[in-house]
């Protein structure tokens, strides 16, 4: 009876949190959508239509044929003498904006080589991110200095990163947001982040890389029709359960790390609360506001000033009266 009460209390505690989290992200997404220019909204709708069409295509074609095609492609790559070099090159290319597909390529490494694909995935990810960091930092150094001098949020983020150093860089790097390619641009945009710090922080994502490769290796065994025919029902169920468990672990750890990162930035010691808040907002908006990705107009600068005013007022309201 006591255990049932405990379970009920646990559910009552988690459900409101999940609901408030969903509402927060819905409001945040709507706010960002409204701020987008017309071409940005059109691009967003085009992407939405593309993914809907892709979903319909996947349903019509069927998962069996798609899985078999991916398995056949992976096997062709694995039997090539320099197949590992092809996957490494893909990982390097998709480390530069605006390309995407890092997670898919990691899974493909598992498809092609099993867990032997982990060194390929890890090396390609490290090399690609390092080259992206150096190229973006070198090519956009003047733009970076101009942005830093005009953006309150970016100055706050640079101050926080400079004060807390490598541990905070590693925590941001481990977070799923911003995604891989935008994270590379984000760190290249922060002058306080040195190249060696960025490389060390990238090692933090290797466990997640290994997990994606592992999921790919398990998916491969279920994707090939010939292999699947020789499996008994129990083996199929175990493989499917392992894949589902791996995906669940990735999702849960990503959520936990992201909220830990945001909480850590917003509650740093010896840093004014308004600086913490602006730094957290800068990380949240990395996809649209990083100086190496987006443009900075008078409108964006005005929003920065408004954010500073809001953060200062929050700080005054929460500080104890003298």
C-alpha atoms as a PDB file:
ATOM      1  CA  UNK A   1       0.000   0.000   0.000  1.00  0.00           C
ATOM      2  CA  UNK A   2       2.822   2.372   0.901  1.00  0.00           C
ATOM      3  CA  UNK A   3       4.594   1.630  -2.388  1.00  0.00           C
ATOM      4  CA  UNK A   4       1.401   2.434  -4.353  1.00  0.00           C
ATOM      5  CA  UNK A   5       1.081   5.761  -2.530  1.00  0.00           C
ATOM      6  CA  UNK A   6       4.719   6.542  -3.286  1.00  0.00           C
ATOM      7  CA  UNK A   7       4.190   5.718  -6.975  1.00  0.00           C
ATOM      8  CA  UNK A   8       1.087   7.901  -7.097  1.00  0.00           C
ATOM      9  CA  UNK A   9       2.931  10.788  -5.454  1.00  0.00           C
ATOM     10  CA  UNK A  10       5.806  10.376  -7.895  1.00  0.00           C
ATOM     11  CA  UNK A  11       3.438  10.563 -10.867  1.00  0.00           C
ATOM     12  CA  UNK A  12       1.709  13.619  -9.411  1.00  0.00           C
ATOM     13  CA  UNK A  13       5.085  15.305  -9.099  1.00  0.00           C
ATOM     14  CA  UNK A  14       6.320  14.413 -12.607  1.00  0.00           C
ATOM     15  CA  UNK A  15       3.153  15.142 -14.613  1.00  0.00           C
ATOM     16  CA  UNK A  16       2.925  18.870 -13.733  1.00  0.00           C
ATOM     17  CA  UNK A  17       6.648  19.237 -14.445  1.00  0.00           C
ATOM     18  CA  UNK A  18       6.288  17.633 -17.881  1.00  0.00           C
ATOM     19  CA  UNK A  19       3.218  19.749 -18.634  1.00  0.00           C
ATOM     20  CA  UNK A  20       4.959  22.989 -17.621  1.00  0.00           C
ATOM     21  CA  UNK A  21       8.011  21.970 -19.655  1.00  0.00           C
ATOM     22  CA  UNK A  22       5.850  21.341 -22.726  1.00  0.00           C
ATOM     23  CA  UNK A  23       4.098  24.716 -22.298  1.00  0.00           C
ATOM     24  CA  UNK A  24       7.433  26.497 -21.899  1.00  0.00           C
ATOM     25  CA  UNK A  25       8.857  25.031 -25.092  1.00  0.00           C
ATOM     26  CA  UNK A  26       5.610  25.724 -26.988  1.00  0.00           C
ATOM     27  CA  UNK A  27       5.670  29.393 -25.909  1.00  0.00           C
ATOM     28  CA  UNK A  28       9.371  29.686 -26.649  1.00  0.00           C
ATOM     29  CA  UNK A  29       8.943  28.162 -30.115  1.00  0.00           C
ATOM     30  CA  UNK A  30       6.003  30.441 -30.922  1.00  0.00           C
ATOM     31  CA  UNK A  31       7.962  33.489 -29.742  1.00  0.00           C
ATOM     32  CA  UNK A  32      10.929  32.572 -31.938  1.00  0.00           C
ATOM     33  CA  UNK A  33       8.639  31.899 -34.906  1.00  0.00           C
ATOM     34  CA  UNK A  34       7.062  35.348 -34.594  1.00  0.00           C
ATOM     35  CA  UNK A  35      10.506  36.978 -34.563  1.00  0.00           C
ATOM     36  CA  UNK A  36      11.544  35.285 -37.810  1.00  0.00           C
ATOM     37  CA  UNK A  37      11.563  37.370 -41.008  1.00  0.00           C
ATOM     38  CA  UNK A  38       9.286  36.337 -43.882  1.00  0.00           C
ATOM     39  CA  UNK A  39      11.953  34.242 -45.639  1.00  0.00           C
ATOM     40  CA  UNK A  40      12.681  32.475 -42.347  1.00  0.00           C
ATOM     41  CA  UNK A  41       9.019  31.555 -41.894  1.00  0.00           C
ATOM     42  CA  UNK A  42       8.795  30.350 -45.498  1.00  0.00           C
ATOM     43  CA  UNK A  43      11.895  28.214 -44.986  1.00  0.00           C
ATOM     44  CA  UNK A  44      10.385  26.759 -41.819  1.00  0.00           C
ATOM     45  CA  UNK A  45       7.155  25.845 -43.606  1.00  0.00           C
ATOM     46  CA  UNK A  46       9.149  24.351 -46.491  1.00  0.00           C
ATOM     47  CA  UNK A  47      11.076  22.183 -44.020  1.00  0.00           C
ATOM     48  CA  UNK A  48       7.826  21.128 -42.346  1.00  0.00           C
ATOM     49  CA  UNK A  49       6.339  20.111 -45.713  1.00  0.00           C
ATOM     50  CA  UNK A  50       9.545  18.260 -46.576  1.00  0.00           C
ATOM     51  CA  UNK A  51       9.418  16.226 -43.368  1.00  0.00           C
ATOM     52  CA  UNK A  52       5.719  15.473 -43.850  1.00  0.00           C
ATOM     53  CA  UNK A  53       6.437  14.288 -47.397  1.00  0.00           C
ATOM     54  CA  UNK A  54       9.382  12.261 -46.107  1.00  0.00           C
ATOM     55  CA  UNK A  55       7.165  10.645 -43.479  1.00  0.00           C
ATOM     56  CA  UNK A  56       4.544   9.740 -46.084  1.00  0.00           C
ATOM     57  CA  UNK A  57       7.292   8.353 -48.323  1.00  0.00           C
ATOM     58  CA  UNK A  58       8.657   6.192 -45.501  1.00  0.00           C
ATOM     59  CA  UNK A  59       5.177   4.845 -44.733  1.00  0.00           C
ATOM     60  CA  UNK A  60       4.419   4.068 -48.393  1.00  0.00           C
ATOM     61  CA  UNK A  61       7.775   2.440 -49.137  1.00  0.00           C
ATOM     62  CA  UNK A  62       7.803   0.569 -45.844  1.00  0.00           C
ATOM     63  CA  UNK A  63      10.464   0.201 -43.141  1.00  0.00           C
ATOM     64  CA  UNK A  64      11.621  -3.203 -44.442  1.00  0.00           C
ATOM     65  CA  UNK A  65      12.675  -1.900 -47.864  1.00  0.00           C
ATOM     66  CA  UNK A  66      14.248   1.234 -46.372  1.00  0.00           C
ATOM     67  CA  UNK A  67      16.169  -0.804 -43.805  1.00  0.00           C
ATOM     68  CA  UNK A  68      17.351  -3.252 -46.466  1.00  0.00           C
ATOM     69  CA  UNK A  69      18.517  -0.400 -48.721  1.00  0.00           C
ATOM     70  CA  UNK A  70      20.459   1.207 -45.884  1.00  0.00           C
ATOM     71  CA  UNK A  71      21.954  -2.160 -44.932  1.00  0.00           C
ATOM     72  CA  UNK A  72      23.058  -2.823 -48.527  1.00  0.00           C
ATOM     73  CA  UNK A  73      24.638   0.640 -48.760  1.00  0.00           C
ATOM     74  CA  UNK A  74      26.466   0.130 -45.462  1.00  0.00           C
ATOM     75  CA  UNK A  75      27.763  -3.261 -46.595  1.00  0.00           C
ATOM     76  CA  UNK A  76      29.080  -1.774 -49.846  1.00  0.00           C
ATOM     77  CA  UNK A  77      30.923   0.903 -47.873  1.00  0.00           C
ATOM     78  CA  UNK A  78      32.377  -1.617 -45.413  1.00  0.00           C
ATOM     79  CA  UNK A  79      33.731  -3.778 -48.259  1.00  0.00           C
ATOM     80  CA  UNK A  80      35.497  -0.850 -49.922  1.00  0.00           C
ATOM     81  CA  UNK A  81      39.204  -0.542 -49.175  1.00  0.00           C
ATOM     82  CA  UNK A  82      38.792   3.070 -48.081  1.00  0.00           C
ATOM     83  CA  UNK A  83      35.193   2.857 -46.907  1.00  0.00           C
ATOM     84  CA  UNK A  84      36.155   4.245 -43.509  1.00  0.00           C
ATOM     85  CA  UNK A  85      37.586   7.293 -45.277  1.00  0.00           C
ATOM     86  CA  UNK A  86      34.242   7.962 -46.993  1.00  0.00           C
ATOM     87  CA  UNK A  87      32.426   8.004 -43.644  1.00  0.00           C
ATOM     88  CA  UNK A  88      35.159  10.200 -42.126  1.00  0.00           C
ATOM     89  CA  UNK A  89      34.833  12.667 -45.017  1.00  0.00           C
ATOM     90  CA  UNK A  90      31.050  12.806 -44.565  1.00  0.00           C
ATOM     91  CA  UNK A  91      31.477  13.518 -40.837  1.00  0.00           C
ATOM     92  CA  UNK A  92      33.911  16.330 -41.631  1.00  0.00           C
ATOM     93  CA  UNK A  93      31.593  17.951 -44.185  1.00  0.00           C
ATOM     94  CA  UNK A  94      28.492  17.839 -41.955  1.00  0.00           C
ATOM     95  CA  UNK A  95      30.426  19.522 -39.135  1.00  0.00           C
ATOM     96  CA  UNK A  96      30.206  22.781 -41.123  1.00  0.00           C
ATOM     97  CA  UNK A  97      27.000  24.833 -41.214  1.00  0.00           C
ATOM     98  CA  UNK A  98      24.454  24.594 -42.719  1.00  0.00           C
ATOM     99  CA  UNK A  99      24.855  20.821 -43.191  1.00  0.00           C
ATOM    100  CA  UNK A 100      23.061  18.368 -40.896  1.00  0.00           C
ATOM    101  CA  UNK A 101      23.043  14.601 -40.441  1.00  0.00           C
ATOM    102  CA  UNK A 102      25.668  13.926 -37.773  1.00  0.00           C
ATOM    103  CA  UNK A 103      23.547  11.421 -35.839  1.00  0.00           C
ATOM    104  CA  UNK A 104      22.492   9.600 -39.024  1.00  0.00           C
ATOM    105  CA  UNK A 105      26.123   9.232 -40.116  1.00  0.00           C
ATOM    106  CA  UNK A 106      27.110   7.887 -36.686  1.00  0.00           C
ATOM    107  CA  UNK A 107      24.343   5.299 -37.025  1.00  0.00           C
ATOM    108  CA  UNK A 108      25.615   4.454 -40.516  1.00  0.00           C
ATOM    109  CA  UNK A 109      29.068   3.760 -39.021  1.00  0.00           C
ATOM    110  CA  UNK A 110      27.395   1.168 -36.797  1.00  0.00           C
ATOM    111  CA  UNK A 111      25.476  -0.226 -39.779  1.00  0.00           C
ATOM    112  CA  UNK A 112      28.669  -0.691 -41.802  1.00  0.00           C
ATOM    113  CA  UNK A 113      31.214  -1.798 -39.208  1.00  0.00           C
ATOM    114  CA  UNK A 114      29.356  -2.671 -36.009  1.00  0.00           C
ATOM    115  CA  UNK A 115      31.120  -1.423 -32.891  1.00  0.00           C
ATOM    116  CA  UNK A 116      34.342  -1.356 -34.929  1.00  0.00           C
ATOM    117  CA  UNK A 117      32.795   1.767 -36.442  1.00  0.00           C
ATOM    118  CA  UNK A 118      33.215   3.682 -33.181  1.00  0.00           C
ATOM    119  CA  UNK A 119      36.853   4.750 -33.842  1.00  0.00           C
ATOM    120  CA  UNK A 120      35.790   5.962 -37.300  1.00  0.00           C
ATOM    121  CA  UNK A 121      32.834   7.891 -35.860  1.00  0.00           C
ATOM    122  CA  UNK A 122      34.892   9.361 -33.006  1.00  0.00           C
ATOM    123  CA  UNK A 123      37.842  10.353 -35.209  1.00  0.00           C
ATOM    124  CA  UNK A 124      35.617  11.832 -37.926  1.00  0.00           C
ATOM    125  CA  UNK A 125      33.594  13.813 -35.381  1.00  0.00           C
ATOM    126  CA  UNK A 126      36.716  15.159 -33.671  1.00  0.00           C
ATOM    127  CA  UNK A 127      38.455  16.050 -36.948  1.00  0.00           C
ATOM    128  CA  UNK A 128      35.346  17.646 -38.465  1.00  0.00           C
ATOM    129  CA  UNK A 129      34.551  19.762 -35.419  1.00  0.00           C
ATOM    130  CA  UNK A 130      38.195  20.872 -35.071  1.00  0.00           C
ATOM    131  CA  UNK A 131      38.417  21.929 -38.725  1.00  0.00           C
ATOM    132  CA  UNK A 132      35.048  23.722 -38.499  1.00  0.00           C
ATOM    133  CA  UNK A 133      36.194  25.575 -35.369  1.00  0.00           C
ATOM    134  CA  UNK A 134      39.469  26.715 -36.961  1.00  0.00           C
ATOM    135  CA  UNK A 135      37.926  27.672 -40.300  1.00  0.00           C
ATOM    136  CA  UNK A 136      35.048  29.651 -38.793  1.00  0.00           C
ATOM    137  CA  UNK A 137      37.271  31.331 -36.211  1.00  0.00           C
ATOM    138  CA  UNK A 138      39.832  32.320 -38.886  1.00  0.00           C
ATOM    139  CA  UNK A 139      37.378  33.428 -41.589  1.00  0.00           C
ATOM    140  CA  UNK A 140      35.044  35.447 -39.369  1.00  0.00           C
ATOM    141  CA  UNK A 141      37.398  37.010 -36.812  1.00  0.00           C
ATOM    142  CA  UNK A 142      36.456  40.600 -37.752  1.00  0.00           C
ATOM    143  CA  UNK A 143      32.737  39.813 -37.741  1.00  0.00           C
ATOM    144  CA  UNK A 144      33.202  38.157 -34.342  1.00  0.00           C
ATOM    145  CA  UNK A 145      34.794  41.230 -32.784  1.00  0.00           C
ATOM    146  CA  UNK A 146      32.081  43.491 -34.238  1.00  0.00           C
ATOM    147  CA  UNK A 147      29.339  41.241 -32.865  1.00  0.00           C
ATOM    148  CA  UNK A 148      30.920  40.966 -29.415  1.00  0.00           C
ATOM    149  CA  UNK A 149      31.105  44.737 -29.143  1.00  0.00           C
ATOM    150  CA  UNK A 150      27.410  45.188 -30.024  1.00  0.00           C
ATOM    151  CA  UNK A 151      25.598  42.236 -28.389  1.00  0.00           C
ATOM    152  CA  UNK A 152      24.789  42.283 -24.672  1.00  0.00           C
ATOM    153  CA  UNK A 153      23.937  38.584 -24.694  1.00  0.00           C
ATOM    154  CA  UNK A 154      27.196  37.612 -26.345  1.00  0.00           C
ATOM    155  CA  UNK A 155      29.239  39.724 -23.954  1.00  0.00           C
ATOM    156  CA  UNK A 156      27.463  37.991 -21.080  1.00  0.00           C
ATOM    157  CA  UNK A 157      28.111  34.536 -22.527  1.00  0.00           C
ATOM    158  CA  UNK A 158      31.786  35.314 -23.129  1.00  0.00           C
ATOM    159  CA  UNK A 159      32.131  36.656 -19.568  1.00  0.00           C
ATOM    160  CA  UNK A 160      30.544  33.524 -18.095  1.00  0.00           C
ATOM    161  CA  UNK A 161      32.646  31.143 -20.204  1.00  0.00           C
ATOM    162  CA  UNK A 162      35.828  33.051 -19.452  1.00  0.00           C
ATOM    163  CA  UNK A 163      35.062  33.000 -15.714  1.00  0.00           C
ATOM    164  CA  UNK A 164      34.182  29.288 -15.472  1.00  0.00           C
ATOM    165  CA  UNK A 165      36.417  27.875 -18.204  1.00  0.00           C
ATOM    166  CA  UNK A 166      36.673  24.268 -19.308  1.00  0.00           C
ATOM    167  CA  UNK A 167      34.056  22.625 -16.991  1.00  0.00           C
ATOM    168  CA  UNK A 168      31.287  24.879 -18.334  1.00  0.00           C
ATOM    169  CA  UNK A 169      32.495  24.432 -21.940  1.00  0.00           C
ATOM    170  CA  UNK A 170      32.328  20.651 -21.491  1.00  0.00           C
ATOM    171  CA  UNK A 171      28.805  20.868 -20.056  1.00  0.00           C
ATOM    172  CA  UNK A 172      27.570  22.987 -22.977  1.00  0.00           C
ATOM    173  CA  UNK A 173      29.288  20.632 -25.430  1.00  0.00           C
ATOM    174  CA  UNK A 174      27.590  17.585 -23.898  1.00  0.00           C
ATOM    175  CA  UNK A 175      24.173  19.248 -24.191  1.00  0.00           C
ATOM    176  CA  UNK A 176      22.021  18.273 -27.213  1.00  0.00           C
ATOM    177  CA  UNK A 177      21.134  21.934 -27.775  1.00  0.00           C
ATOM    178  CA  UNK A 178      22.519  23.576 -29.744  1.00  0.00           C
ATOM    179  CA  UNK A 179      22.888  20.618 -32.165  1.00  0.00           C
ATOM    180  CA  UNK A 180      26.274  19.402 -33.402  1.00  0.00           C
ATOM    181  CA  UNK A 181      26.886  21.756 -36.319  1.00  0.00           C
ATOM    182  CA  UNK A 182      25.532  24.807 -34.453  1.00  0.00           C
ATOM    183  CA  UNK A 183      27.574  23.942 -31.366  1.00  0.00           C
ATOM    184  CA  UNK A 184      30.726  24.018 -33.506  1.00  0.00           C
ATOM    185  CA  UNK A 185      29.753  27.499 -34.699  1.00  0.00           C
ATOM    186  CA  UNK A 186      28.795  28.586 -31.193  1.00  0.00           C
ATOM    187  CA  UNK A 187      32.199  27.751 -29.709  1.00  0.00           C
ATOM    188  CA  UNK A 188      34.037  29.246 -32.674  1.00  0.00           C
ATOM    189  CA  UNK A 189      32.064  32.441 -31.998  1.00  0.00           C
ATOM    190  CA  UNK A 190      33.228  32.724 -28.369  1.00  0.00           C
ATOM    191  CA  UNK A 191      36.704  34.224 -28.245  1.00  0.00           C
ATOM    192  CA  UNK A 192      37.133  33.056 -24.654  1.00  0.00           C
ATOM    193  CA  UNK A 193      37.090  29.424 -25.882  1.00  0.00           C
ATOM    194  CA  UNK A 194      40.549  28.322 -26.999  1.00  0.00           C
ATOM    195  CA  UNK A 195      41.114  25.594 -29.558  1.00  0.00           C
ATOM    196  CA  UNK A 196      42.556  23.120 -27.043  1.00  0.00           C
ATOM    197  CA  UNK A 197      39.570  23.655 -24.706  1.00  0.00           C
ATOM    198  CA  UNK A 198      37.187  22.973 -27.582  1.00  0.00           C
ATOM    199  CA  UNK A 199      39.020  19.762 -28.541  1.00  0.00           C
ATOM    200  CA  UNK A 200      39.044  18.466 -24.943  1.00  0.00           C
ATOM    201  CA  UNK A 201      35.346  19.315 -24.551  1.00  0.00           C
ATOM    202  CA  UNK A 202      34.557  17.379 -27.735  1.00  0.00           C
ATOM    203  CA  UNK A 203      35.832  14.187 -26.075  1.00  0.00           C
ATOM    204  CA  UNK A 204      32.826  14.496 -23.727  1.00  0.00           C
ATOM    205  CA  UNK A 205      30.451  13.543 -26.560  1.00  0.00           C
ATOM    206  CA  UNK A 206      32.253  10.254 -27.284  1.00  0.00           C
ATOM    207  CA  UNK A 207      29.983   8.148 -25.009  1.00  0.00           C
ATOM    208  CA  UNK A 208      26.984   9.465 -26.961  1.00  0.00           C
ATOM    209  CA  UNK A 209      28.811   8.731 -30.216  1.00  0.00           C
ATOM    210  CA  UNK A 210      29.411   5.151 -29.037  1.00  0.00           C
ATOM    211  CA  UNK A 211      25.728   4.780 -28.163  1.00  0.00           C
ATOM    212  CA  UNK A 212      24.609   5.894 -31.646  1.00  0.00           C
ATOM    213  CA  UNK A 213      27.098   3.496 -33.263  1.00  0.00           C
ATOM    214  CA  UNK A 214      25.793   0.695 -31.036  1.00  0.00           C
ATOM    215  CA  UNK A 215      22.189   1.458 -32.042  1.00  0.00           C
ATOM    216  CA  UNK A 216      23.276   1.355 -35.690  1.00  0.00           C
ATOM    217  CA  UNK A 217      24.957  -2.034 -35.207  1.00  0.00           C
ATOM    218  CA  UNK A 218      21.763  -3.478 -33.682  1.00  0.00           C
ATOM    219  CA  UNK A 219      19.575  -1.949 -36.385  1.00  0.00           C
ATOM    220  CA  UNK A 220      21.767  -3.585 -39.031  1.00  0.00           C
ATOM    221  CA  UNK A 221      20.989  -7.044 -37.715  1.00  0.00           C
ATOM    222  CA  UNK A 222      17.250  -6.353 -38.000  1.00  0.00           C
ATOM    223  CA  UNK A 223      17.428  -4.557 -41.365  1.00  0.00           C
ATOM    224  CA  UNK A 224      18.823  -7.397 -43.460  1.00  0.00           C
ATOM    225  CA  UNK A 225      16.049  -9.731 -44.583  1.00  0.00           C
ATOM    226  CA  UNK A 226      18.346 -12.763 -44.800  1.00  0.00           C
ATOM    227  CA  UNK A 227      19.712 -12.275 -41.274  1.00  0.00           C
ATOM    228  CA  UNK A 228      16.231 -11.613 -39.921  1.00  0.00           C
ATOM    229  CA  UNK A 229      14.883 -14.853 -41.389  1.00  0.00           C
ATOM    230  CA  UNK A 230      17.430 -16.871 -39.415  1.00  0.00           C
ATOM    231  CA  UNK A 231      16.532 -15.151 -36.135  1.00  0.00           C
ATOM    232  CA  UNK A 232      14.085 -16.665 -33.696  1.00  0.00           C
ATOM    233  CA  UNK A 233      11.350 -14.490 -32.191  1.00  0.00           C
ATOM    234  CA  UNK A 234      13.134 -14.112 -28.868  1.00  0.00           C
ATOM    235  CA  UNK A 235      16.312 -12.776 -30.513  1.00  0.00           C
ATOM    236  CA  UNK A 236      14.280 -10.266 -32.540  1.00  0.00           C
ATOM    237  CA  UNK A 237      12.508  -9.051 -29.401  1.00  0.00           C
ATOM    238  CA  UNK A 238      15.798  -8.707 -27.521  1.00  0.00           C
ATOM    239  CA  UNK A 239      17.375  -6.721 -30.374  1.00  0.00           C
ATOM    240  CA  UNK A 240      14.333  -4.443 -30.648  1.00  0.00           C
ATOM    241  CA  UNK A 241      14.301  -3.913 -26.870  1.00  0.00           C
ATOM    242  CA  UNK A 242      18.016  -3.073 -26.850  1.00  0.00           C
ATOM    243  CA  UNK A 243      17.522  -0.536 -29.656  1.00  0.00           C
ATOM    244  CA  UNK A 244      14.517   1.055 -27.904  1.00  0.00           C
ATOM    245  CA  UNK A 245      16.461   1.171 -24.637  1.00  0.00           C
ATOM    246  CA  UNK A 246      19.411   2.836 -26.348  1.00  0.00           C
ATOM    247  CA  UNK A 247      17.185   5.492 -27.948  1.00  0.00           C
ATOM    248  CA  UNK A 248      15.471   6.117 -24.603  1.00  0.00           C
ATOM    249  CA  UNK A 249      18.832   6.526 -22.855  1.00  0.00           C
ATOM    250  CA  UNK A 250      19.933   9.058 -25.495  1.00  0.00           C
ATOM    251  CA  UNK A 251      16.713  11.084 -25.084  1.00  0.00           C
ATOM    252  CA  UNK A 252      16.702  11.046 -21.276  1.00  0.00           C
ATOM    253  CA  UNK A 253      20.392  11.884 -20.885  1.00  0.00           C
ATOM    254  CA  UNK A 254      20.036  14.679 -23.457  1.00  0.00           C
ATOM    255  CA  UNK A 255      17.138  16.241 -21.526  1.00  0.00           C
ATOM    256  CA  UNK A 256      18.932  15.903 -18.187  1.00  0.00           C
ATOM    257  CA  UNK A 257      22.214  17.374 -19.486  1.00  0.00           C
ATOM    258  CA  UNK A 258      20.456  20.258 -21.237  1.00  0.00           C
ATOM    259  CA  UNK A 259      18.530  21.315 -18.130  1.00  0.00           C
ATOM    260  CA  UNK A 260      21.624  20.827 -15.953  1.00  0.00           C
ATOM    261  CA  UNK A 261      23.552  23.100 -18.304  1.00  0.00           C
ATOM    262  CA  UNK A 262      20.864  25.806 -18.255  1.00  0.00           C
ATOM    263  CA  UNK A 263      20.532  25.585 -14.462  1.00  0.00           C
ATOM    264  CA  UNK A 264      24.302  25.750 -14.022  1.00  0.00           C
ATOM    265  CA  UNK A 265      24.612  28.866 -16.169  1.00  0.00           C
ATOM    266  CA  UNK A 266      21.717  30.606 -14.415  1.00  0.00           C
ATOM    267  CA  UNK A 267      23.051  29.919 -10.902  1.00  0.00           C
ATOM    268  CA  UNK A 268      26.776  30.583 -11.178  1.00  0.00           C
ATOM    269  CA  UNK A 269      28.480  31.936  -8.089  1.00  0.00           C
ATOM    270  CA  UNK A 270      30.231  35.326  -8.201  1.00  0.00           C
ATOM    271  CA  UNK A 271      28.413  36.194 -11.457  1.00  0.00           C
ATOM    272  CA  UNK A 272      25.587  38.806 -11.428  1.00  0.00           C
ATOM    273  CA  UNK A 273      22.148  37.206 -12.048  1.00  0.00           C
ATOM    274  CA  UNK A 274      21.466  39.431 -15.054  1.00  0.00           C
ATOM    275  CA  UNK A 275      24.684  38.207 -16.708  1.00  0.00           C
ATOM    276  CA  UNK A 276      23.711  34.582 -16.014  1.00  0.00           C
ATOM    277  CA  UNK A 277      20.302  35.107 -17.602  1.00  0.00           C
ATOM    278  CA  UNK A 278      21.672  36.765 -20.732  1.00  0.00           C
ATOM    279  CA  UNK A 279      24.295  34.025 -21.128  1.00  0.00           C
ATOM    280  CA  UNK A 280      21.627  31.313 -20.873  1.00  0.00           C
ATOM    281  CA  UNK A 281      19.524  33.098 -23.506  1.00  0.00           C
ATOM    282  CA  UNK A 282      22.556  33.354 -25.797  1.00  0.00           C
ATOM    283  CA  UNK A 283      23.039  29.571 -25.651  1.00  0.00           C
ATOM    284  CA  UNK A 284      19.317  28.946 -26.257  1.00  0.00           C
ATOM    285  CA  UNK A 285      19.359  31.185 -29.328  1.00  0.00           C
ATOM    286  CA  UNK A 286      22.660  29.893 -30.714  1.00  0.00           C
ATOM    287  CA  UNK A 287      20.987  28.584 -33.897  1.00  0.00           C
ATOM    288  CA  UNK A 288      19.610  31.979 -34.860  1.00  0.00           C
ATOM    289  CA  UNK A 289      21.890  34.472 -33.140  1.00  0.00           C
ATOM    290  CA  UNK A 290      25.454  33.170 -33.344  1.00  0.00           C
ATOM    291  CA  UNK A 291      27.581  35.779 -35.103  1.00  0.00           C
ATOM    292  CA  UNK A 292      29.079  33.195 -37.455  1.00  0.00           C
ATOM    293  CA  UNK A 293      25.608  32.064 -38.583  1.00  0.00           C
ATOM    294  CA  UNK A 294      23.110  34.883 -38.543  1.00  0.00           C
ATOM    295  CA  UNK A 295      23.002  38.562 -39.247  1.00  0.00           C
ATOM    296  CA  UNK A 296      22.863  41.228 -36.578  1.00  0.00           C
ATOM    297  CA  UNK A 297      20.561  44.133 -37.239  1.00  0.00           C
ATOM    298  CA  UNK A 298      19.346  47.068 -35.196  1.00  0.00           C
ATOM    299  CA  UNK A 299      16.304  44.958 -34.313  1.00  0.00           C
ATOM    300  CA  UNK A 300      18.460  42.225 -32.788  1.00  0.00           C
ATOM    301  CA  UNK A 301      20.467  44.799 -30.843  1.00  0.00           C
ATOM    302  CA  UNK A 302      17.241  46.342 -29.545  1.00  0.00           C
ATOM    303  CA  UNK A 303      16.137  42.885 -28.368  1.00  0.00           C
ATOM    304  CA  UNK A 304      19.465  42.523 -26.553  1.00  0.00           C
ATOM    305  CA  UNK A 305      18.868  45.829 -24.756  1.00  0.00           C
ATOM    306  CA  UNK A 306      15.352  44.743 -23.790  1.00  0.00           C
ATOM    307  CA  UNK A 307      16.748  41.453 -22.468  1.00  0.00           C
ATOM    308  CA  UNK A 308      19.246  43.364 -20.355  1.00  0.00           C
ATOM    309  CA  UNK A 309      16.485  45.524 -18.892  1.00  0.00           C
ATOM    310  CA  UNK A 310      14.329  42.438 -18.130  1.00  0.00           C
ATOM    311  CA  UNK A 311      17.243  40.611 -16.530  1.00  0.00           C
ATOM    312  CA  UNK A 312      18.150  43.661 -14.412  1.00  0.00           C
ATOM    313  CA  UNK A 313      14.557  44.081 -13.226  1.00  0.00           C
ATOM    314  CA  UNK A 314      14.386  40.355 -12.324  1.00  0.00           C
ATOM    315  CA  UNK A 315      17.620  40.745 -10.381  1.00  0.00           C
ATOM    316  CA  UNK A 316      16.274  43.733  -8.418  1.00  0.00           C
ATOM    317  CA  UNK A 317      12.979  41.975  -7.668  1.00  0.00           C
ATOM    318  CA  UNK A 318      14.685  38.837  -6.346  1.00  0.00           C
ATOM    319  CA  UNK A 319      17.397  40.609  -4.297  1.00  0.00           C
ATOM    320  CA  UNK A 320      16.599  41.168  -0.579  1.00  0.00           C
ATOM    321  CA  UNK A 321      15.682  44.638   0.525  1.00  0.00           C
ATOM    322  CA  UNK A 322      18.513  46.630   2.170  1.00  0.00           C
END
